[in-house]
């Protein structure tokens, strides 16, 4: 766990390195912090994998490592880590699957930390999908942009569904909601409608009760008058 925490510290330090340290020669370069973070997460993965009963730490280390890779612009490595994080048999039993819904749990036997970790993984996938959307929108590639918005809606739907299996409110859930809000606040009405259609499709595919936690959050933050926004106008918040 110490290596996991160290990796998270280096991840956050690397992410903000340029913003506050500038060219200070007494501060490590961003690449060096990135390397240290990778080493710490690798050590955490190795240690957790060697001991029985540490599957939740193994998953957490890989997912946080994925966030490091994402923050450094390495989306392919991030996605590969996310895939690997869910391969453990114990983790598989927590996955929300299409046509199956949320797995039933015996509260006396199933550690809840897996829900939180999976929520963080889906939040990252949603954020990566929003990056694809932004790139496609700049190129006026509407079909690609719409598909990315649908993907983002699906991942954000799952992220909040997992998180609420862990607790109704906690630090990472609040951070996730803030990230989702920031990703959506610049959408125009047409883009917002595409996103919400994707959220509805996700609820149907994964047999989630509607309104889902994402739908409730979005409606609470953006209101029910979104349809009145002009197609070319950003939401005024």
C-alpha atoms as a PDB file:
ATOM      1  CA  UNK A   1       0.000   0.000   0.000  1.00  0.00           C
ATOM      2  CA  UNK A   2       2.929   2.347   0.629  1.00  0.00           C
ATOM      3  CA  UNK A   3       4.059   1.962  -2.993  1.00  0.00           C
ATOM      4  CA  UNK A   4       0.511   2.602  -4.163  1.00  0.00           C
ATOM      5  CA  UNK A   5       0.309   5.845  -2.196  1.00  0.00           C
ATOM      6  CA  UNK A   6       3.751   6.856  -3.451  1.00  0.00           C
ATOM      7  CA  UNK A   7       2.659   6.238  -7.031  1.00  0.00           C
ATOM      8  CA  UNK A   8      -0.415   8.423  -6.523  1.00  0.00           C
ATOM      9  CA  UNK A   9       1.771  11.188  -5.081  1.00  0.00           C
ATOM     10  CA  UNK A  10       4.109  11.088  -8.098  1.00  0.00           C
ATOM     11  CA  UNK A  11       1.120  10.980 -10.456  1.00  0.00           C
ATOM     12  CA  UNK A  12      -0.354  14.140  -8.975  1.00  0.00           C
ATOM     13  CA  UNK A  13       3.052  15.834  -8.756  1.00  0.00           C
ATOM     14  CA  UNK A  14       3.821  15.052 -12.387  1.00  0.00           C
ATOM     15  CA  UNK A  15       0.427  16.347 -13.477  1.00  0.00           C
ATOM     16  CA  UNK A  16       0.876  19.764 -11.885  1.00  0.00           C
ATOM     17  CA  UNK A  17       4.677  19.992 -12.213  1.00  0.00           C
ATOM     18  CA  UNK A  18       4.711  22.536 -15.022  1.00  0.00           C
ATOM     19  CA  UNK A  19       1.995  24.669 -13.497  1.00  0.00           C
ATOM     20  CA  UNK A  20       3.788  25.639 -10.314  1.00  0.00           C
ATOM     21  CA  UNK A  21       7.475  24.661 -10.470  1.00  0.00           C
ATOM     22  CA  UNK A  22       8.377  26.181 -13.823  1.00  0.00           C
ATOM     23  CA  UNK A  23      12.080  25.846 -14.539  1.00  0.00           C
ATOM     24  CA  UNK A  24      13.075  25.496 -10.892  1.00  0.00           C
ATOM     25  CA  UNK A  25      16.274  23.368 -11.024  1.00  0.00           C
ATOM     26  CA  UNK A  26      15.623  22.163  -7.479  1.00  0.00           C
ATOM     27  CA  UNK A  27      12.430  20.404  -8.567  1.00  0.00           C
ATOM     28  CA  UNK A  28      12.416  17.067 -10.454  1.00  0.00           C
ATOM     29  CA  UNK A  29      11.484  17.247 -14.124  1.00  0.00           C
ATOM     30  CA  UNK A  30       8.047  16.014 -15.125  1.00  0.00           C
ATOM     31  CA  UNK A  31       9.524  13.038 -16.991  1.00  0.00           C
ATOM     32  CA  UNK A  32      11.417  12.026 -13.873  1.00  0.00           C
ATOM     33  CA  UNK A  33       8.261  12.205 -11.760  1.00  0.00           C
ATOM     34  CA  UNK A  34       6.454  10.171 -14.408  1.00  0.00           C
ATOM     35  CA  UNK A  35       9.164   7.501 -14.263  1.00  0.00           C
ATOM     36  CA  UNK A  36       9.074   7.394 -10.467  1.00  0.00           C
ATOM     37  CA  UNK A  37       5.314   7.033 -10.549  1.00  0.00           C
ATOM     38  CA  UNK A  38       5.527   4.131 -12.975  1.00  0.00           C
ATOM     39  CA  UNK A  39       8.124   2.423 -10.792  1.00  0.00           C
ATOM     40  CA  UNK A  40       6.042   2.857  -7.652  1.00  0.00           C
ATOM     41  CA  UNK A  41       2.878   1.503  -9.268  1.00  0.00           C
ATOM     42  CA  UNK A  42       4.812  -1.396 -10.784  1.00  0.00           C
ATOM     43  CA  UNK A  43       6.174  -2.268  -7.344  1.00  0.00           C
ATOM     44  CA  UNK A  44       2.667  -2.073  -5.859  1.00  0.00           C
ATOM     45  CA  UNK A  45       1.260  -4.364  -8.565  1.00  0.00           C
ATOM     46  CA  UNK A  46       4.054  -6.889  -8.028  1.00  0.00           C
ATOM     47  CA  UNK A  47       3.668  -6.904  -4.244  1.00  0.00           C
ATOM     48  CA  UNK A  48      -0.128  -7.176  -4.320  1.00  0.00           C
ATOM     49  CA  UNK A  49      -0.003  -9.942  -6.917  1.00  0.00           C
ATOM     50  CA  UNK A  50       2.268 -12.063  -4.758  1.00  0.00           C
ATOM     51  CA  UNK A  51      -0.053 -12.110  -1.743  1.00  0.00           C
ATOM     52  CA  UNK A  52      -3.461 -13.762  -1.434  1.00  0.00           C
ATOM     53  CA  UNK A  53      -6.303 -11.505  -0.374  1.00  0.00           C
ATOM     54  CA  UNK A  54      -4.955  -8.324  -1.949  1.00  0.00           C
ATOM     55  CA  UNK A  55      -6.987  -8.361  -5.166  1.00  0.00           C
ATOM     56  CA  UNK A  56      -8.585  -4.995  -4.367  1.00  0.00           C
ATOM     57  CA  UNK A  57      -5.136  -3.388  -3.906  1.00  0.00           C
ATOM     58  CA  UNK A  58      -3.945  -4.937  -7.165  1.00  0.00           C
ATOM     59  CA  UNK A  59      -6.945  -3.493  -9.001  1.00  0.00           C
ATOM     60  CA  UNK A  60      -6.539  -0.111  -7.327  1.00  0.00           C
ATOM     61  CA  UNK A  61      -2.839   0.088  -8.229  1.00  0.00           C
ATOM     62  CA  UNK A  62      -3.485  -0.684 -11.896  1.00  0.00           C
ATOM     63  CA  UNK A  63      -6.325   1.793 -12.166  1.00  0.00           C
ATOM     64  CA  UNK A  64      -4.352   4.586 -10.514  1.00  0.00           C
ATOM     65  CA  UNK A  65      -1.435   3.729 -12.791  1.00  0.00           C
ATOM     66  CA  UNK A  66      -3.833   4.110 -15.719  1.00  0.00           C
ATOM     67  CA  UNK A  67      -4.686   7.613 -14.490  1.00  0.00           C
ATOM     68  CA  UNK A  68      -0.975   8.429 -14.458  1.00  0.00           C
ATOM     69  CA  UNK A  69      -0.609   7.286 -18.066  1.00  0.00           C
ATOM     70  CA  UNK A  70      -3.700   9.262 -19.082  1.00  0.00           C
ATOM     71  CA  UNK A  71      -2.424  12.434 -17.416  1.00  0.00           C
ATOM     72  CA  UNK A  72       0.828  12.065 -19.356  1.00  0.00           C
ATOM     73  CA  UNK A  73      -0.989  11.636 -22.675  1.00  0.00           C
ATOM     74  CA  UNK A  74      -0.518   7.884 -23.018  1.00  0.00           C
ATOM     75  CA  UNK A  75      -4.092   6.757 -23.625  1.00  0.00           C
ATOM     76  CA  UNK A  76      -3.206   3.353 -25.081  1.00  0.00           C
ATOM     77  CA  UNK A  77      -1.219   2.352 -22.000  1.00  0.00           C
ATOM     78  CA  UNK A  78      -4.042   3.631 -19.789  1.00  0.00           C
ATOM     79  CA  UNK A  79      -6.647   1.511 -21.587  1.00  0.00           C
ATOM     80  CA  UNK A  80      -4.435  -1.577 -21.414  1.00  0.00           C
ATOM     81  CA  UNK A  81      -4.046  -1.144 -17.660  1.00  0.00           C
ATOM     82  CA  UNK A  82      -7.809  -0.729 -17.252  1.00  0.00           C
ATOM     83  CA  UNK A  83      -8.424  -3.963 -19.157  1.00  0.00           C
ATOM     84  CA  UNK A  84      -5.885  -5.844 -17.058  1.00  0.00           C
ATOM     85  CA  UNK A  85      -7.392  -4.470 -13.846  1.00  0.00           C
ATOM     86  CA  UNK A  86     -10.669  -6.328 -14.423  1.00  0.00           C
ATOM     87  CA  UNK A  87      -9.200  -9.710 -15.350  1.00  0.00           C
ATOM     88  CA  UNK A  88      -9.011 -11.017 -11.791  1.00  0.00           C
ATOM     89  CA  UNK A  89     -11.773 -13.536 -11.044  1.00  0.00           C
ATOM     90  CA  UNK A  90     -12.858 -11.627  -7.942  1.00  0.00           C
ATOM     91  CA  UNK A  91     -13.079  -8.377  -9.874  1.00  0.00           C
ATOM     92  CA  UNK A  92     -15.130 -10.076 -12.586  1.00  0.00           C
ATOM     93  CA  UNK A  93     -17.874 -10.822 -10.084  1.00  0.00           C
ATOM     94  CA  UNK A  94     -18.456  -7.100  -9.601  1.00  0.00           C
ATOM     95  CA  UNK A  95     -18.763  -6.065 -13.252  1.00  0.00           C
ATOM     96  CA  UNK A  96     -22.043  -4.573 -14.436  1.00  0.00           C
ATOM     97  CA  UNK A  97     -22.734  -6.443 -17.665  1.00  0.00           C
ATOM     98  CA  UNK A  98     -25.038  -5.712 -20.562  1.00  0.00           C
ATOM     99  CA  UNK A  99     -28.335  -7.521 -20.189  1.00  0.00           C
ATOM    100  CA  UNK A 100     -27.479  -8.589 -16.643  1.00  0.00           C
ATOM    101  CA  UNK A 101     -27.454  -5.421 -14.583  1.00  0.00           C
ATOM    102  CA  UNK A 102     -25.743  -4.893 -11.231  1.00  0.00           C
ATOM    103  CA  UNK A 103     -24.467  -8.159  -9.715  1.00  0.00           C
ATOM    104  CA  UNK A 104     -26.277  -9.250  -6.593  1.00  0.00           C
ATOM    105  CA  UNK A 105     -24.039  -9.048  -3.559  1.00  0.00           C
ATOM    106  CA  UNK A 106     -23.911 -10.695  -0.186  1.00  0.00           C
ATOM    107  CA  UNK A 107     -22.992  -7.788   2.023  1.00  0.00           C
ATOM    108  CA  UNK A 108     -21.365 -10.130   4.472  1.00  0.00           C
ATOM    109  CA  UNK A 109     -18.939 -11.558   1.928  1.00  0.00           C
ATOM    110  CA  UNK A 110     -18.224  -9.037  -0.828  1.00  0.00           C
ATOM    111  CA  UNK A 111     -15.748  -6.268   0.061  1.00  0.00           C
ATOM    112  CA  UNK A 112     -17.190  -2.988  -1.229  1.00  0.00           C
ATOM    113  CA  UNK A 113     -13.869  -1.456  -2.308  1.00  0.00           C
ATOM    114  CA  UNK A 114     -14.145  -3.102  -5.734  1.00  0.00           C
ATOM    115  CA  UNK A 115     -17.164  -0.924  -6.530  1.00  0.00           C
ATOM    116  CA  UNK A 116     -15.176   2.251  -5.870  1.00  0.00           C
ATOM    117  CA  UNK A 117     -12.222   1.082  -7.957  1.00  0.00           C
ATOM    118  CA  UNK A 118     -14.459   0.149 -10.890  1.00  0.00           C
ATOM    119  CA  UNK A 119     -16.145   3.539 -10.655  1.00  0.00           C
ATOM    120  CA  UNK A 120     -12.749   5.214 -10.998  1.00  0.00           C
ATOM    121  CA  UNK A 121     -11.932   3.015 -14.004  1.00  0.00           C
ATOM    122  CA  UNK A 122     -15.158   3.899 -15.820  1.00  0.00           C
ATOM    123  CA  UNK A 123     -14.719   7.573 -15.025  1.00  0.00           C
ATOM    124  CA  UNK A 124     -11.335   7.453 -16.746  1.00  0.00           C
ATOM    125  CA  UNK A 125     -12.813   5.687 -19.769  1.00  0.00           C
ATOM    126  CA  UNK A 126     -15.478   8.375 -19.923  1.00  0.00           C
ATOM    127  CA  UNK A 127     -12.896  11.132 -19.796  1.00  0.00           C
ATOM    128  CA  UNK A 128     -10.887   9.496 -22.565  1.00  0.00           C
ATOM    129  CA  UNK A 129     -14.056   9.260 -24.665  1.00  0.00           C
ATOM    130  CA  UNK A 130     -14.618  12.984 -24.125  1.00  0.00           C
ATOM    131  CA  UNK A 131     -11.097  13.646 -25.430  1.00  0.00           C
ATOM    132  CA  UNK A 132     -12.014  11.713 -28.578  1.00  0.00           C
ATOM    133  CA  UNK A 133     -15.207  13.783 -28.852  1.00  0.00           C
ATOM    134  CA  UNK A 134     -13.349  17.082 -28.539  1.00  0.00           C
ATOM    135  CA  UNK A 135     -10.862  16.066 -31.222  1.00  0.00           C
ATOM    136  CA  UNK A 136     -13.632  14.922 -33.569  1.00  0.00           C
ATOM    137  CA  UNK A 137     -15.655  18.094 -32.949  1.00  0.00           C
ATOM    138  CA  UNK A 138     -12.665  20.243 -33.910  1.00  0.00           C
ATOM    139  CA  UNK A 139     -12.437  18.343 -37.184  1.00  0.00           C
ATOM    140  CA  UNK A 140     -16.214  18.625 -37.730  1.00  0.00           C
ATOM    141  CA  UNK A 141     -16.405  14.818 -37.835  1.00  0.00           C
ATOM    142  CA  UNK A 142     -19.969  14.629 -36.519  1.00  0.00           C
ATOM    143  CA  UNK A 143     -20.486  10.863 -36.709  1.00  0.00           C
ATOM    144  CA  UNK A 144     -17.265  10.234 -34.801  1.00  0.00           C
ATOM    145  CA  UNK A 145     -18.105  12.949 -32.289  1.00  0.00           C
ATOM    146  CA  UNK A 146     -21.585  11.540 -31.673  1.00  0.00           C
ATOM    147  CA  UNK A 147     -20.199   8.045 -31.163  1.00  0.00           C
ATOM    148  CA  UNK A 148     -17.682   9.368 -28.654  1.00  0.00           C
ATOM    149  CA  UNK A 149     -20.435  11.193 -26.752  1.00  0.00           C
ATOM    150  CA  UNK A 150     -22.426   7.959 -26.578  1.00  0.00           C
ATOM    151  CA  UNK A 151     -19.340   6.151 -25.290  1.00  0.00           C
ATOM    152  CA  UNK A 152     -18.718   8.847 -22.679  1.00  0.00           C
ATOM    153  CA  UNK A 153     -22.337   8.680 -21.518  1.00  0.00           C
ATOM    154  CA  UNK A 154     -22.097   4.905 -21.145  1.00  0.00           C
ATOM    155  CA  UNK A 155     -18.895   5.069 -19.121  1.00  0.00           C
ATOM    156  CA  UNK A 156     -20.100   7.934 -16.923  1.00  0.00           C
ATOM    157  CA  UNK A 157     -23.357   6.037 -16.315  1.00  0.00           C
ATOM    158  CA  UNK A 158     -21.395   2.999 -15.160  1.00  0.00           C
ATOM    159  CA  UNK A 159     -18.975   5.110 -13.116  1.00  0.00           C
ATOM    160  CA  UNK A 160     -21.724   6.584 -10.963  1.00  0.00           C
ATOM    161  CA  UNK A 161     -23.560   3.252 -10.783  1.00  0.00           C
ATOM    162  CA  UNK A 162     -20.447   1.583  -9.375  1.00  0.00           C
ATOM    163  CA  UNK A 163     -19.726   4.453  -6.994  1.00  0.00           C
ATOM    164  CA  UNK A 164     -23.219   4.392  -5.526  1.00  0.00           C
ATOM    165  CA  UNK A 165     -22.841   0.682  -4.827  1.00  0.00           C
ATOM    166  CA  UNK A 166     -19.994   1.683  -2.529  1.00  0.00           C
ATOM    167  CA  UNK A 167     -21.614   4.686  -0.815  1.00  0.00           C
ATOM    168  CA  UNK A 168     -24.078   7.463  -1.504  1.00  0.00           C
ATOM    169  CA  UNK A 169     -21.363  10.103  -1.208  1.00  0.00           C
ATOM    170  CA  UNK A 170     -17.603  10.044  -0.696  1.00  0.00           C
ATOM    171  CA  UNK A 171     -14.544  11.966  -1.862  1.00  0.00           C
ATOM    172  CA  UNK A 172     -13.904  10.158  -5.148  1.00  0.00           C
ATOM    173  CA  UNK A 173     -17.585  10.314  -6.066  1.00  0.00           C
ATOM    174  CA  UNK A 174     -17.613  14.079  -5.560  1.00  0.00           C
ATOM    175  CA  UNK A 175     -14.467  14.385  -7.670  1.00  0.00           C
ATOM    176  CA  UNK A 176     -16.017  12.221 -10.357  1.00  0.00           C
ATOM    177  CA  UNK A 177     -19.139  14.359 -10.467  1.00  0.00           C
ATOM    178  CA  UNK A 178     -17.003  17.490 -10.747  1.00  0.00           C
ATOM    179  CA  UNK A 179     -15.068  15.962 -13.655  1.00  0.00           C
ATOM    180  CA  UNK A 180     -18.284  14.988 -15.435  1.00  0.00           C
ATOM    181  CA  UNK A 181     -19.710  18.474 -14.893  1.00  0.00           C
ATOM    182  CA  UNK A 182     -16.593  20.095 -16.346  1.00  0.00           C
ATOM    183  CA  UNK A 183     -16.697  17.812 -19.382  1.00  0.00           C
ATOM    184  CA  UNK A 184     -20.357  18.550 -20.103  1.00  0.00           C
ATOM    185  CA  UNK A 185     -20.634  22.260 -19.385  1.00  0.00           C
ATOM    186  CA  UNK A 186     -19.236  23.272 -22.775  1.00  0.00           C
ATOM    187  CA  UNK A 187     -21.640  21.166 -24.864  1.00  0.00           C
ATOM    188  CA  UNK A 188     -24.206  22.880 -27.039  1.00  0.00           C
ATOM    189  CA  UNK A 189     -27.818  21.745 -27.043  1.00  0.00           C
ATOM    190  CA  UNK A 190     -27.436  19.279 -29.909  1.00  0.00           C
ATOM    191  CA  UNK A 191     -24.357  17.677 -28.362  1.00  0.00           C
ATOM    192  CA  UNK A 192     -26.048  17.542 -24.981  1.00  0.00           C
ATOM    193  CA  UNK A 193     -29.035  15.755 -26.506  1.00  0.00           C
ATOM    194  CA  UNK A 194     -26.714  13.170 -28.091  1.00  0.00           C
ATOM    195  CA  UNK A 195     -25.021  12.624 -24.731  1.00  0.00           C
ATOM    196  CA  UNK A 196     -28.328  12.165 -22.905  1.00  0.00           C
ATOM    197  CA  UNK A 197     -29.537   9.740 -25.574  1.00  0.00           C
ATOM    198  CA  UNK A 198     -26.377   7.749 -24.915  1.00  0.00           C
ATOM    199  CA  UNK A 199     -27.103   7.811 -21.186  1.00  0.00           C
ATOM    200  CA  UNK A 200     -30.599   6.457 -21.814  1.00  0.00           C
ATOM    201  CA  UNK A 201     -29.234   3.704 -24.056  1.00  0.00           C
ATOM    202  CA  UNK A 202     -26.734   2.739 -21.357  1.00  0.00           C
ATOM    203  CA  UNK A 203     -29.482   2.481 -18.751  1.00  0.00           C
ATOM    204  CA  UNK A 204     -31.432   0.146 -21.017  1.00  0.00           C
ATOM    205  CA  UNK A 205     -28.414  -1.965 -22.013  1.00  0.00           C
ATOM    206  CA  UNK A 206     -27.205  -2.495 -18.441  1.00  0.00           C
ATOM    207  CA  UNK A 207     -30.705  -2.850 -16.936  1.00  0.00           C
ATOM    208  CA  UNK A 208     -30.239   0.128 -14.619  1.00  0.00           C
ATOM    209  CA  UNK A 209     -33.205   1.720 -12.916  1.00  0.00           C
ATOM    210  CA  UNK A 210     -34.111   5.102 -14.400  1.00  0.00           C
ATOM    211  CA  UNK A 211     -33.411   7.792 -13.727  1.00  0.00           C
ATOM    212  CA  UNK A 212     -29.870   6.524 -13.233  1.00  0.00           C
ATOM    213  CA  UNK A 213     -27.455   8.276 -10.920  1.00  0.00           C
ATOM    214  CA  UNK A 214     -25.923  10.014 -13.939  1.00  0.00           C
ATOM    215  CA  UNK A 215     -29.305  11.172 -15.215  1.00  0.00           C
ATOM    216  CA  UNK A 216     -30.239  12.523 -11.790  1.00  0.00           C
ATOM    217  CA  UNK A 217     -26.904  14.278 -11.429  1.00  0.00           C
ATOM    218  CA  UNK A 218     -27.057  15.880 -14.879  1.00  0.00           C
ATOM    219  CA  UNK A 219     -30.647  17.010 -14.438  1.00  0.00           C
ATOM    220  CA  UNK A 220     -29.836  18.439 -11.027  1.00  0.00           C
ATOM    221  CA  UNK A 221     -26.813  20.368 -12.291  1.00  0.00           C
ATOM    222  CA  UNK A 222     -28.059  21.493 -15.704  1.00  0.00           C
ATOM    223  CA  UNK A 223     -31.793  21.706 -15.105  1.00  0.00           C
ATOM    224  CA  UNK A 224     -34.705  20.541 -17.233  1.00  0.00           C
ATOM    225  CA  UNK A 225     -34.609  23.549 -19.575  1.00  0.00           C
ATOM    226  CA  UNK A 226     -31.655  22.272 -21.591  1.00  0.00           C
ATOM    227  CA  UNK A 227     -33.895  21.710 -24.622  1.00  0.00           C
ATOM    228  CA  UNK A 228     -34.418  25.465 -24.809  1.00  0.00           C
ATOM    229  CA  UNK A 229     -30.732  26.074 -25.555  1.00  0.00           C
ATOM    230  CA  UNK A 230     -29.899  26.914 -29.166  1.00  0.00           C
ATOM    231  CA  UNK A 231     -28.114  24.122 -31.074  1.00  0.00           C
ATOM    232  CA  UNK A 232     -24.999  26.254 -31.532  1.00  0.00           C
ATOM    233  CA  UNK A 233     -25.021  27.779 -28.033  1.00  0.00           C
ATOM    234  CA  UNK A 234     -23.009  26.480 -25.105  1.00  0.00           C
ATOM    235  CA  UNK A 235     -24.871  25.884 -21.875  1.00  0.00           C
ATOM    236  CA  UNK A 236     -24.794  29.083 -19.817  1.00  0.00           C
ATOM    237  CA  UNK A 237     -23.682  28.060 -16.316  1.00  0.00           C
END
